[in-house]
C-alpha atoms as a PDB file:
ATOM      1  CA  UNK A   1     -54.572 -57.116 -30.567  1.00  0.00           C
ATOM      2  CA  UNK A   2     -51.554 -55.075 -31.674  1.00  0.00           C
ATOM      3  CA  UNK A   3     -48.989 -54.357 -28.980  1.00  0.00           C
ATOM      4  CA  UNK A   4     -48.184 -50.674 -28.405  1.00  0.00           C
ATOM      5  CA  UNK A   5     -44.556 -49.783 -28.915  1.00  0.00           C
ATOM      6  CA  UNK A   6     -42.768 -48.524 -25.836  1.00  0.00           C
ATOM      7  CA  UNK A   7     -41.859 -44.816 -25.947  1.00  0.00           C
ATOM      8  CA  UNK A   8     -38.219 -43.953 -25.690  1.00  0.00           C
ATOM      9  CA  UNK A   9     -37.340 -42.853 -22.126  1.00  0.00           C
ATOM     10  CA  UNK A  10     -33.589 -42.310 -22.415  1.00  0.00           C
ATOM     11  CA  UNK A  11     -31.493 -39.518 -23.827  1.00  0.00           C
ATOM     12  CA  UNK A  12     -27.732 -39.041 -24.239  1.00  0.00           C
ATOM     13  CA  UNK A  13     -26.056 -35.814 -23.079  1.00  0.00           C
ATOM     14  CA  UNK A  14     -22.454 -34.748 -22.523  1.00  0.00           C
ATOM     15  CA  UNK A  15     -21.902 -33.050 -19.153  1.00  0.00           C
ATOM     16  CA  UNK A  16     -18.193 -32.393 -19.641  1.00  0.00           C
ATOM     17  CA  UNK A  17     -17.242 -28.878 -18.427  1.00  0.00           C
ATOM     18  CA  UNK A  18     -20.908 -28.148 -17.561  1.00  0.00           C
ATOM     19  CA  UNK A  19     -21.427 -26.563 -14.142  1.00  0.00           C
ATOM     20  CA  UNK A  20     -24.522 -25.523 -12.233  1.00  0.00           C
ATOM     21  CA  UNK A  21     -25.318 -21.883 -12.964  1.00  0.00           C
ATOM     22  CA  UNK A  22     -24.852 -19.708  -9.891  1.00  0.00           C
ATOM     23  CA  UNK A  23     -27.256 -16.861  -9.277  1.00  0.00           C
ATOM     24  CA  UNK A  24     -25.722 -13.420  -8.805  1.00  0.00           C
ATOM     25  CA  UNK A  25     -27.162 -11.064  -6.191  1.00  0.00           C
ATOM     26  CA  UNK A  26     -27.239  -7.289  -6.576  1.00  0.00           C
ATOM     27  CA  UNK A  27     -23.907  -5.727  -5.677  1.00  0.00           C
ATOM     28  CA  UNK A  28     -20.429  -4.982  -6.997  1.00  0.00           C
ATOM     29  CA  UNK A  29     -18.065  -7.665  -8.296  1.00  0.00           C
ATOM     30  CA  UNK A  30     -14.624  -8.195  -9.776  1.00  0.00           C
ATOM     31  CA  UNK A  31     -15.018  -9.899 -13.149  1.00  0.00           C
ATOM     32  CA  UNK A  32     -12.935 -11.169 -16.042  1.00  0.00           C
ATOM     33  CA  UNK A  33     -13.822 -11.107 -19.734  1.00  0.00           C
ATOM     34  CA  UNK A  34     -14.603 -14.576 -21.131  1.00  0.00           C
ATOM     35  CA  UNK A  35     -16.194 -14.115 -24.571  1.00  0.00           C
ATOM     36  CA  UNK A  36     -16.899 -11.418 -27.150  1.00  0.00           C
ATOM     37  CA  UNK A  37     -19.171 -11.585 -30.165  1.00  0.00           C
ATOM     38  CA  UNK A  38     -20.471  -9.210 -32.816  1.00  0.00           C
ATOM     39  CA  UNK A  39     -24.266  -9.406 -33.135  1.00  0.00           C
ATOM     40  CA  UNK A  40     -26.927  -7.927 -35.411  1.00  0.00           C
ATOM     41  CA  UNK A  41     -29.328  -5.486 -33.754  1.00  0.00           C
ATOM     42  CA  UNK A  42     -32.568  -3.855 -34.905  1.00  0.00           C
ATOM     43  CA  UNK A  43     -30.891  -0.493 -35.561  1.00  0.00           C
ATOM     44  CA  UNK A  44     -27.170  -1.245 -35.453  1.00  0.00           C
ATOM     45  CA  UNK A  45     -24.665  -3.987 -34.745  1.00  0.00           C
ATOM     46  CA  UNK A  46     -23.605  -4.486 -31.147  1.00  0.00           C
ATOM     47  CA  UNK A  47     -20.866  -6.224 -29.197  1.00  0.00           C
ATOM     48  CA  UNK A  48     -21.972  -8.824 -26.670  1.00  0.00           C
ATOM     49  CA  UNK A  49     -19.629  -9.113 -23.686  1.00  0.00           C
ATOM     50  CA  UNK A  50     -19.621 -12.176 -21.414  1.00  0.00           C
ATOM     51  CA  UNK A  51     -17.885 -11.804 -18.052  1.00  0.00           C
ATOM     52  CA  UNK A  52     -17.384 -14.231 -15.161  1.00  0.00           C
ATOM     53  CA  UNK A  53     -17.411 -13.330 -11.467  1.00  0.00           C
ATOM     54  CA  UNK A  54     -13.953 -13.960  -9.989  1.00  0.00           C
ATOM     55  CA  UNK A  55     -14.595 -13.979  -6.228  1.00  0.00           C
ATOM     56  CA  UNK A  56     -17.059 -14.936  -3.503  1.00  0.00           C
ATOM     57  CA  UNK A  57     -20.114 -17.186  -3.504  1.00  0.00           C
ATOM     58  CA  UNK A  58     -20.926 -16.275  -7.119  1.00  0.00           C
ATOM     59  CA  UNK A  59     -17.441 -17.153  -8.412  1.00  0.00           C
ATOM     60  CA  UNK A  60     -17.680 -18.433 -11.968  1.00  0.00           C
ATOM     61  CA  UNK A  61     -21.180 -17.050 -12.573  1.00  0.00           C
ATOM     62  CA  UNK A  62     -21.631 -15.451 -16.006  1.00  0.00           C
ATOM     63  CA  UNK A  63     -22.766 -11.872 -16.569  1.00  0.00           C
ATOM     64  CA  UNK A  64     -23.525 -10.228 -19.908  1.00  0.00           C
ATOM     65  CA  UNK A  65     -23.347  -6.680 -21.226  1.00  0.00           C
ATOM     66  CA  UNK A  66     -24.128  -5.103 -24.595  1.00  0.00           C
ATOM     67  CA  UNK A  67     -22.481  -2.100 -26.265  1.00  0.00           C
ATOM     68  CA  UNK A  68     -24.211  -0.768 -29.352  1.00  0.00           C
ATOM     69  CA  UNK A  69     -22.125   0.382 -32.314  1.00  0.00           C
ATOM     70  CA  UNK A  70     -24.657   3.095 -33.153  1.00  0.00           C
ATOM     71  CA  UNK A  71     -22.852   6.439 -33.337  1.00  0.00           C
ATOM     72  CA  UNK A  72     -24.869   7.998 -30.508  1.00  0.00           C
ATOM     73  CA  UNK A  73     -24.052   5.047 -28.220  1.00  0.00           C
ATOM     74  CA  UNK A  74     -20.277   4.876 -28.700  1.00  0.00           C
ATOM     75  CA  UNK A  75     -19.745   6.689 -25.368  1.00  0.00           C
ATOM     76  CA  UNK A  76     -20.825   3.444 -23.685  1.00  0.00           C
ATOM     77  CA  UNK A  77     -18.356   1.353 -25.699  1.00  0.00           C
ATOM     78  CA  UNK A  78     -15.553   3.811 -24.947  1.00  0.00           C
ATOM     79  CA  UNK A  79     -16.228   3.584 -21.221  1.00  0.00           C
ATOM     80  CA  UNK A  80     -16.145  -0.225 -21.253  1.00  0.00           C
ATOM     81  CA  UNK A  81     -12.916  -0.313 -23.258  1.00  0.00           C
ATOM     82  CA  UNK A  82     -11.185   2.230 -21.033  1.00  0.00           C
ATOM     83  CA  UNK A  83     -12.307   0.432 -17.867  1.00  0.00           C
ATOM     84  CA  UNK A  84     -10.356  -2.610 -19.094  1.00  0.00           C
ATOM     85  CA  UNK A  85      -7.247  -0.479 -19.800  1.00  0.00           C
ATOM     86  CA  UNK A  86      -7.697  -0.532 -23.587  1.00  0.00           C
ATOM     87  CA  UNK A  87      -6.284   2.471 -25.461  1.00  0.00           C
ATOM     88  CA  UNK A  88      -8.998   4.436 -27.263  1.00  0.00           C
ATOM     89  CA  UNK A  89      -7.885   7.132 -29.728  1.00  0.00           C
ATOM     90  CA  UNK A  90      -9.721  10.402 -30.134  1.00  0.00           C
ATOM     91  CA  UNK A  91     -10.865   9.511 -33.648  1.00  0.00           C
ATOM     92  CA  UNK A  92     -11.465   6.506 -35.874  1.00  0.00           C
ATOM     93  CA  UNK A  93     -10.319   3.080 -34.735  1.00  0.00           C
ATOM     94  CA  UNK A  94     -10.606  -0.530 -35.850  1.00  0.00           C
ATOM     95  CA  UNK A  95     -11.754  -2.996 -33.219  1.00  0.00           C
ATOM     96  CA  UNK A  96     -10.260  -6.498 -33.220  1.00  0.00           C
ATOM     97  CA  UNK A  97     -12.373  -8.629 -30.898  1.00  0.00           C
ATOM     98  CA  UNK A  98      -9.588 -11.200 -30.516  1.00  0.00           C
ATOM     99  CA  UNK A  99      -7.139  -8.488 -29.394  1.00  0.00           C
ATOM    100  CA  UNK A 100      -9.664  -7.126 -26.910  1.00  0.00           C
ATOM    101  CA  UNK A 101     -10.298 -10.612 -25.534  1.00  0.00           C
ATOM    102  CA  UNK A 102      -6.583 -11.241 -24.981  1.00  0.00           C
ATOM    103  CA  UNK A 103      -5.617  -7.771 -23.657  1.00  0.00           C
ATOM    104  CA  UNK A 104      -8.689  -6.705 -21.663  1.00  0.00           C
ATOM    105  CA  UNK A 105      -7.927  -6.470 -17.939  1.00  0.00           C
ATOM    106  CA  UNK A 106     -10.168  -7.358 -15.019  1.00  0.00           C
ATOM    107  CA  UNK A 107     -12.852  -4.776 -14.234  1.00  0.00           C
ATOM    108  CA  UNK A 108     -15.402  -3.995 -11.553  1.00  0.00           C
ATOM    109  CA  UNK A 109     -19.116  -4.169 -12.293  1.00  0.00           C
ATOM    110  CA  UNK A 110     -22.261  -3.123 -10.473  1.00  0.00           C
ATOM    111  CA  UNK A 111     -25.194  -5.516 -10.779  1.00  0.00           C
ATOM    112  CA  UNK A 112     -28.904  -4.929 -10.253  1.00  0.00           C
ATOM    113  CA  UNK A 113     -31.690  -7.505 -10.482  1.00  0.00           C
ATOM    114  CA  UNK A 114     -34.207  -6.953 -13.288  1.00  0.00           C
ATOM    115  CA  UNK A 115     -37.646  -8.450 -12.563  1.00  0.00           C
ATOM    116  CA  UNK A 116     -39.353  -7.178 -15.715  1.00  0.00           C
ATOM    117  CA  UNK A 117     -39.143 -10.444 -17.712  1.00  0.00           C
ATOM    118  CA  UNK A 118     -38.355 -12.980 -14.999  1.00  0.00           C
ATOM    119  CA  UNK A 119     -40.197 -13.380 -11.700  1.00  0.00           C
ATOM    120  CA  UNK A 120     -37.013 -14.539  -9.979  1.00  0.00           C
ATOM    121  CA  UNK A 121     -35.109 -11.660 -11.536  1.00  0.00           C
ATOM    122  CA  UNK A 122     -32.163 -11.534 -13.906  1.00  0.00           C
ATOM    123  CA  UNK A 123     -28.805 -10.069 -12.854  1.00  0.00           C
ATOM    124  CA  UNK A 124     -28.028  -7.071 -15.060  1.00  0.00           C
ATOM    125  CA  UNK A 125     -24.789  -5.100 -15.274  1.00  0.00           C
ATOM    126  CA  UNK A 126     -25.574  -1.394 -14.940  1.00  0.00           C
ATOM    127  CA  UNK A 127     -22.011  -0.061 -14.708  1.00  0.00           C
ATOM    128  CA  UNK A 128     -18.494  -1.176 -15.641  1.00  0.00           C
ATOM    129  CA  UNK A 129     -15.495   0.598 -14.111  1.00  0.00           C
ATOM    130  CA  UNK A 130     -11.737   0.109 -13.480  1.00  0.00           C
ATOM    131  CA  UNK A 131     -11.154  -2.674 -10.977  1.00  0.00           C
ATOM    132  CA  UNK A 132      -9.173  -0.404  -8.621  1.00  0.00           C
ATOM    133  CA  UNK A 133     -12.348   1.608  -8.011  1.00  0.00           C
ATOM    134  CA  UNK A 134     -14.215  -1.447  -6.788  1.00  0.00           C
ATOM    135  CA  UNK A 135     -15.788  -0.713  -3.428  1.00  0.00           C
ATOM    136  CA  UNK A 136     -13.962  -2.271  -0.537  1.00  0.00           C
ATOM    137  CA  UNK A 137     -15.755  -4.783   1.676  1.00  0.00           C
ATOM    138  CA  UNK A 138     -16.512  -2.968   4.922  1.00  0.00           C
ATOM    139  CA  UNK A 139     -16.138  -5.468   7.773  1.00  0.00           C
ATOM    140  CA  UNK A 140     -17.816  -3.002  10.127  1.00  0.00           C
ATOM    141  CA  UNK A 141     -21.159  -3.753   8.443  1.00  0.00           C
ATOM    142  CA  UNK A 142     -21.074  -7.211  10.056  1.00  0.00           C
ATOM    143  CA  UNK A 143     -21.553  -5.645  13.500  1.00  0.00           C
ATOM    144  CA  UNK A 144     -25.239  -5.204  12.749  1.00  0.00           C
ATOM    145  CA  UNK A 145     -25.239  -1.445  13.434  1.00  0.00           C
ATOM    146  CA  UNK A 146     -26.911  -0.298  10.242  1.00  0.00           C
ATOM    147  CA  UNK A 147     -27.584   3.383  10.748  1.00  0.00           C
ATOM    148  CA  UNK A 148     -27.369   4.347   7.085  1.00  0.00           C
ATOM    149  CA  UNK A 149     -24.502   6.555   5.901  1.00  0.00           C
ATOM    150  CA  UNK A 150     -23.076   7.090   9.364  1.00  0.00           C
ATOM    151  CA  UNK A 151     -19.493   7.218   8.079  1.00  0.00           C
ATOM    152  CA  UNK A 152     -20.028  10.305   5.948  1.00  0.00           C
ATOM    153  CA  UNK A 153     -23.296  11.880   7.040  1.00  0.00           C
ATOM    154  CA  UNK A 154     -23.616  15.615   7.472  1.00  0.00           C
ATOM    155  CA  UNK A 155     -23.545  15.447  11.281  1.00  0.00           C
ATOM    156  CA  UNK A 156     -20.845  12.794  11.596  1.00  0.00           C
ATOM    157  CA  UNK A 157     -17.154  13.594  11.809  1.00  0.00           C
ATOM    158  CA  UNK A 158     -15.121  12.177   8.935  1.00  0.00           C
ATOM    159  CA  UNK A 159     -11.429  11.698   9.681  1.00  0.00           C
ATOM    160  CA  UNK A 160      -8.472  11.568   7.304  1.00  0.00           C
ATOM    161  CA  UNK A 161      -8.138   7.900   8.227  1.00  0.00           C
ATOM    162  CA  UNK A 162     -11.731   7.307   7.068  1.00  0.00           C
ATOM    163  CA  UNK A 163     -11.014   9.055   3.763  1.00  0.00           C
ATOM    164  CA  UNK A 164      -7.915   6.937   3.098  1.00  0.00           C
ATOM    165  CA  UNK A 165     -10.119   3.810   3.051  1.00  0.00           C
ATOM    166  CA  UNK A 166     -12.886   5.213   0.822  1.00  0.00           C
ATOM    167  CA  UNK A 167     -13.769   4.348  -2.769  1.00  0.00           C
ATOM    168  CA  UNK A 168     -14.479   6.986  -5.426  1.00  0.00           C
ATOM    169  CA  UNK A 169     -18.243   6.661  -4.878  1.00  0.00           C
ATOM    170  CA  UNK A 170     -17.881   7.119  -1.125  1.00  0.00           C
ATOM    171  CA  UNK A 171     -15.731  10.211  -1.671  1.00  0.00           C
ATOM    172  CA  UNK A 172     -18.466  11.692  -3.869  1.00  0.00           C
ATOM    173  CA  UNK A 173     -20.945  11.163  -1.024  1.00  0.00           C
ATOM    174  CA  UNK A 174     -18.664  13.003   1.406  1.00  0.00           C
ATOM    175  CA  UNK A 175     -18.285  15.909  -1.047  1.00  0.00           C
ATOM    176  CA  UNK A 176     -22.073  16.117  -1.449  1.00  0.00           C
ATOM    177  CA  UNK A 177     -22.919  15.707   2.237  1.00  0.00           C
ATOM    178  CA  UNK A 178     -20.291  18.178   3.425  1.00  0.00           C
ATOM    179  CA  UNK A 179     -20.869  20.644   0.556  1.00  0.00           C
ATOM    180  CA  UNK A 180     -17.164  20.667  -0.286  1.00  0.00           C
ATOM    181  CA  UNK A 181     -16.104  23.027  -3.072  1.00  0.00           C
ATOM    182  CA  UNK A 182     -14.150  20.522  -5.182  1.00  0.00           C
ATOM    183  CA  UNK A 183     -14.813  18.640  -8.435  1.00  0.00           C
ATOM    184  CA  UNK A 184     -13.599  15.058  -8.079  1.00  0.00           C
ATOM    185  CA  UNK A 185     -14.118  14.424 -11.809  1.00  0.00           C
ATOM    186  CA  UNK A 186     -11.305  16.904 -12.481  1.00  0.00           C
ATOM    187  CA  UNK A 187      -8.852  14.962 -10.314  1.00  0.00           C
ATOM    188  CA  UNK A 188      -7.084  11.932 -11.806  1.00  0.00           C
ATOM    189  CA  UNK A 189      -6.495   8.916  -9.578  1.00  0.00           C
ATOM    190  CA  UNK A 190      -8.134   7.668  -6.399  1.00  0.00           C
ATOM    191  CA  UNK A 191      -5.163   8.634  -4.212  1.00  0.00           C
ATOM    192  CA  UNK A 192      -5.298  12.267  -5.353  1.00  0.00           C
ATOM    193  CA  UNK A 193      -9.072  12.379  -4.952  1.00  0.00           C
ATOM    194  CA  UNK A 194      -8.677  11.276  -1.326  1.00  0.00           C
ATOM    195  CA  UNK A 195      -5.981  13.897  -0.724  1.00  0.00           C
ATOM    196  CA  UNK A 196      -8.199  16.644  -2.191  1.00  0.00           C
ATOM    197  CA  UNK A 197     -11.125  15.660   0.045  1.00  0.00           C
ATOM    198  CA  UNK A 198      -8.887  15.650   3.128  1.00  0.00           C
ATOM    199  CA  UNK A 199      -7.589  19.142   2.235  1.00  0.00           C
ATOM    200  CA  UNK A 200     -11.121  20.437   1.716  1.00  0.00           C
ATOM    201  CA  UNK A 201     -12.305  19.003   5.044  1.00  0.00           C
ATOM    202  CA  UNK A 202      -9.364  20.622   6.821  1.00  0.00           C
ATOM    203  CA  UNK A 203     -10.080  23.941   5.102  1.00  0.00           C
ATOM    204  CA  UNK A 204      -6.606  23.981   3.548  1.00  0.00           C
ATOM    205  CA  UNK A 205      -7.668  26.206   0.634  1.00  0.00           C
ATOM    206  CA  UNK A 206      -4.314  27.962   0.263  1.00  0.00           C
ATOM    207  CA  UNK A 207      -2.456  24.697  -0.232  1.00  0.00           C
ATOM    208  CA  UNK A 208      -5.066  23.546  -2.749  1.00  0.00           C
ATOM    209  CA  UNK A 209      -4.547  26.720  -4.815  1.00  0.00           C
ATOM    210  CA  UNK A 210      -0.842  25.890  -5.201  1.00  0.00           C
ATOM    211  CA  UNK A 211      -1.487  22.357  -6.420  1.00  0.00           C
ATOM    212  CA  UNK A 212       0.837  21.484  -9.280  1.00  0.00           C
ATOM    213  CA  UNK A 213       0.338  19.014 -12.106  1.00  0.00           C
ATOM    214  CA  UNK A 214       2.545  16.453 -13.803  1.00  0.00           C
ATOM    215  CA  UNK A 215       2.753  16.277 -17.589  1.00  0.00           C
ATOM    216  CA  UNK A 216       1.796  12.573 -17.640  1.00  0.00           C
ATOM    217  CA  UNK A 217      -1.250  13.397 -15.519  1.00  0.00           C
ATOM    218  CA  UNK A 218      -2.467  16.038 -18.008  1.00  0.00           C
ATOM    219  CA  UNK A 219      -1.810  13.726 -20.960  1.00  0.00           C
ATOM    220  CA  UNK A 220      -4.153  11.116 -19.459  1.00  0.00           C
ATOM    221  CA  UNK A 221      -7.053  13.531 -18.955  1.00  0.00           C
ATOM    222  CA  UNK A 222     -10.228  13.547 -21.020  1.00  0.00           C
ATOM    223  CA  UNK A 223     -11.712  16.716 -22.493  1.00  0.00           C
ATOM    224  CA  UNK A 224     -14.124  17.255 -19.586  1.00  0.00           C
ATOM    225  CA  UNK A 225     -11.276  17.129 -17.094  1.00  0.00           C
ATOM    226  CA  UNK A 226      -9.133  19.466 -19.195  1.00  0.00           C
ATOM    227  CA  UNK A 227     -11.980  21.992 -19.378  1.00  0.00           C
ATOM    228  CA  UNK A 228     -12.234  21.785 -15.593  1.00  0.00           C
ATOM    229  CA  UNK A 229      -8.541  22.682 -15.281  1.00  0.00           C
ATOM    230  CA  UNK A 230      -9.015  25.610 -17.669  1.00  0.00           C
ATOM    231  CA  UNK A 231     -11.923  26.973 -15.625  1.00  0.00           C
ATOM    232  CA  UNK A 232     -10.295  26.320 -12.252  1.00  0.00           C
ATOM    233  CA  UNK A 233      -7.106  28.225 -13.099  1.00  0.00           C
ATOM    234  CA  UNK A 234      -8.643  30.829 -15.445  1.00  0.00           C
ATOM    235  CA  UNK A 235      -6.582  29.756 -18.451  1.00  0.00           C
ATOM    236  CA  UNK A 236      -8.278  32.304 -20.707  1.00  0.00           C
ATOM    237  CA  UNK A 237      -5.883  31.863 -23.640  1.00  0.00           C
ATOM    238  CA  UNK A 238      -6.727  28.164 -24.003  1.00  0.00           C
ATOM    239  CA  UNK A 239      -9.234  27.259 -26.739  1.00  0.00           C
ATOM    240  CA  UNK A 240     -11.297  24.374 -25.315  1.00  0.00           C
ATOM    241  CA  UNK A 241     -12.741  23.579 -28.765  1.00  0.00           C
ATOM    242  CA  UNK A 242      -9.404  22.082 -29.839  1.00  0.00           C
ATOM    243  CA  UNK A 243      -8.936  18.342 -30.230  1.00  0.00           C
ATOM    244  CA  UNK A 244      -8.075  16.525 -27.016  1.00  0.00           C
ATOM    245  CA  UNK A 245      -4.450  16.086 -28.103  1.00  0.00           C
ATOM    246  CA  UNK A 246      -3.983  19.806 -28.891  1.00  0.00           C
ATOM    247  CA  UNK A 247      -5.945  20.839 -25.813  1.00  0.00           C
ATOM    248  CA  UNK A 248      -3.610  18.843 -23.572  1.00  0.00           C
ATOM    249  CA  UNK A 249      -0.611  20.663 -25.068  1.00  0.00           C
ATOM    250  CA  UNK A 250      -2.275  24.062 -24.653  1.00  0.00           C
ATOM    251  CA  UNK A 251      -3.205  23.331 -21.025  1.00  0.00           C
ATOM    252  CA  UNK A 252       0.356  22.227 -20.217  1.00  0.00           C
ATOM    253  CA  UNK A 253       1.794  25.408 -21.767  1.00  0.00           C
ATOM    254  CA  UNK A 254      -0.689  27.628 -19.898  1.00  0.00           C
ATOM    255  CA  UNK A 255      -0.037  25.876 -16.577  1.00  0.00           C
ATOM    256  CA  UNK A 256       3.718  26.268 -17.057  1.00  0.00           C
ATOM    257  CA  UNK A 257       3.256  30.019 -17.502  1.00  0.00           C
ATOM    258  CA  UNK A 258       1.465  30.108 -14.141  1.00  0.00           C
ATOM    259  CA  UNK A 259       4.122  27.891 -12.504  1.00  0.00           C
ATOM    260  CA  UNK A 260       1.569  25.153 -11.921  1.00  0.00           C
ATOM    261  CA  UNK A 261       3.520  22.312 -13.544  1.00  0.00           C
ATOM    262  CA  UNK A 262       5.919  20.069 -11.653  1.00  0.00           C
ATOM    263  CA  UNK A 263       9.581  20.457 -12.632  1.00  0.00           C
END
């Protein structure tokens, strides 16, 4: 009787630099860019971004994001580049993935869990934003008094001290809940956004009307923000159909005529 050969029961693997994959819960995280690759898509090429969580229990966990190179999706790519402090011209540009990988700064991301293809759920980045806008960790939540948006609800008093600790998203909630007549998108910088909300809460409309701008501040604004300045100060002679570069110059000139530029 022929003897059956014994099936192989061993296998060789290399576990060097291999770590257990950590699961990422829904929330906001500080992340760093690890890898970039150009991939072929059904309709257009896309850039695949791989980030790693930098803090907390999920430190080291990978997260992925995709930016399509289709013309109607370039707004998404622009937002991701600008969040990492990359300069994006108002026109054609050539992307060097190696330069992006070396120069891209840390960013904040918001993660949701997608259960469509995985019963346990896959972490999915739904927003990428500058790291300084990352929501602070509110130690007060550990007290167990979860009454919803008690810090900025319509019936709750919001103090200047509260505002000074708020993120951009929390400021937007205060503006909405208190029906404040300000457009935070038109204000550059978290510090100035906080100051504008404090003024609006105090009813300091006269001081807000005399707000002056710095040239560097205008030169960092996007077209939407520039249009907001034009509307806010009735700069009727400014043609908002100009290129962003020309529009910035026109806005600065018009503001100077109204004595709304810092010396």
